[in-house]
Amino acid sequence: MLEQINSRLQKLMPVLTPLSLVIGVFLEEVGSQVMFLVPWIFAFMTLASSLSLNLQGLKSFIKYPWVILASIAFLHILMPLWAYLELPVLYGLVYVKGI
């Protein structure tokens, strides 16, 4: 049953995505009142997707933890640093901290 729902949603995705965007623009007042829920929903979605890790995936992580750690370091340290250093080169801007 879950596979049937997933199949239908995948077929409707080209329509659902722009429709959701338009609905979000028109219901901005409602969305701004529940903005505090966004991090919690994102955390739930991340947790739900990570729970699909099976025993084989866990064994792989235990055997090769450096792959995960290198990916985390790349995404959270090197990529932001690279973007920060490219800012003046690409856009001629100087990053100013604060308000």
Protein backbone atom coordinates (compact mmCIF):
# COMPACT_ATOMS: atom_id res chain seq x y z
CA MET A 1 0.00 0.00 0.00
CA LEU A 2 2.80 2.38 0.87
CA GLU A 3 4.45 1.64 -2.47
CA GLN A 4 1.22 2.51 -4.31
CA ILE A 5 0.98 5.86 -2.51
CA ASN A 6 4.63 6.55 -3.26
CA SER A 7 4.13 5.70 -6.93
CA ARG A 8 1.14 8.04 -7.21
CA LEU A 9 2.97 10.86 -5.46
CA GLN A 10 5.96 10.45 -7.77
CA LYS A 11 3.71 10.75 -10.80
CA LEU A 12 2.07 13.88 -9.37
CA MET A 13 5.32 15.52 -8.26
CA PRO A 14 5.62 17.88 -11.29
CA VAL A 15 2.20 19.28 -10.36
CA LEU A 16 2.48 19.14 -6.56
CA THR A 17 5.75 21.06 -6.33
CA PRO A 18 4.66 24.30 -8.09
CA LEU A 19 1.20 24.03 -6.54
CA SER A 20 2.70 23.86 -3.06
CA LEU A 21 4.83 26.89 -3.82
CA VAL A 22 1.82 28.92 -4.99
CA ILE A 23 -0.24 27.87 -1.97
CA GLY A 24 2.65 28.85 0.30
CA VAL A 25 2.82 32.32 -1.25
CA PHE A 26 -0.92 32.89 -0.89
CA LEU A 27 -1.06 31.59 2.68
CA GLU A 28 1.94 33.56 3.93
CA GLU A 29 0.14 34.80 7.04
CA VAL A 30 -0.69 31.28 8.15
CA GLY A 31 2.80 30.06 7.35
CA SER A 32 4.48 32.81 9.34
CA GLN A 33 2.54 31.78 12.46
CA VAL A 34 3.81 28.21 12.31
CA MET A 35 7.36 29.01 11.18
CA PHE A 36 8.72 27.69 14.48
CA LEU A 37 7.66 24.18 13.40
CA VAL A 38 10.01 24.08 10.39
CA PRO A 39 13.14 22.92 12.28
CA TRP A 40 11.11 20.28 14.12
CA ILE A 41 9.57 18.96 10.91
CA PHE A 42 13.00 18.88 9.27
CA ALA A 43 14.43 17.03 12.27
CA PHE A 44 11.60 14.50 12.12
CA MET A 45 12.10 13.94 8.39
CA THR A 46 15.84 13.48 8.90
CA LEU A 47 15.29 11.03 11.73
CA ALA A 48 12.69 9.09 9.76
CA SER A 49 14.99 8.76 6.76
CA SER A 50 17.94 7.74 8.91
CA LEU A 51 15.90 5.02 10.58
CA SER A 52 15.80 3.23 7.25
CA LEU A 53 19.46 2.35 7.86
CA ASN A 54 19.60 -1.44 7.92
CA LEU A 55 22.05 -3.75 9.65
CA GLN A 56 24.29 -3.93 6.59
CA GLY A 57 24.54 -0.13 6.50
CA LEU A 58 25.40 -0.04 10.19
CA LYS A 59 28.12 -2.65 9.67
CA SER A 60 29.49 -0.57 6.82
CA PHE A 61 29.62 2.52 9.04
CA ILE A 62 31.41 0.62 11.80
CA LYS A 63 33.89 -0.78 9.31
CA TYR A 64 34.53 2.53 7.47
CA PRO A 65 33.65 5.42 9.82
CA TRP A 66 36.10 7.75 8.11
CA VAL A 67 33.83 7.93 5.04
CA ILE A 68 30.96 9.41 7.06
CA LEU A 69 33.26 11.68 9.05
CA ALA A 70 35.01 12.91 5.90
CA SER A 71 31.63 13.63 4.30
CA ILE A 72 30.49 15.60 7.34
CA ALA A 73 33.76 17.56 7.42
CA PHE A 74 33.51 18.28 3.70
CA LEU A 75 29.90 19.45 3.84
CA HIS A 76 30.05 21.44 7.07
CA ILE A 77 33.60 22.82 7.08
CA LEU A 78 35.18 22.82 3.63
CA MET A 79 32.14 23.80 1.52
CA PRO A 80 31.20 26.85 3.66
CA LEU A 81 34.85 27.91 3.77
CA TRP A 82 35.07 27.58 0.00
CA ALA A 83 31.88 29.65 -0.45
CA TYR A 84 33.20 32.30 1.95
CA LEU A 85 36.49 32.56 0.06
CA GLU A 86 34.79 32.72 -3.35
CA LEU A 87 32.42 35.53 -2.36
CA PRO A 88 34.81 38.42 -3.11
CA VAL A 89 36.15 36.73 -6.25
CA LEU A 90 32.79 36.04 -7.87
CA TYR A 91 30.71 38.98 -6.67
CA GLY A 92 33.23 41.58 -5.54
CA LEU A 93 31.60 41.62 -2.12
CA VAL A 94 33.20 41.80 1.26
CA TYR A 95 31.49 39.74 3.94
CA VAL A 96 30.40 41.97 6.81
CA LYS A 97 29.47 40.36 10.09
CA GLY A 98 26.70 41.80 12.21
CA ILE A 99 23.77 44.09 11.57
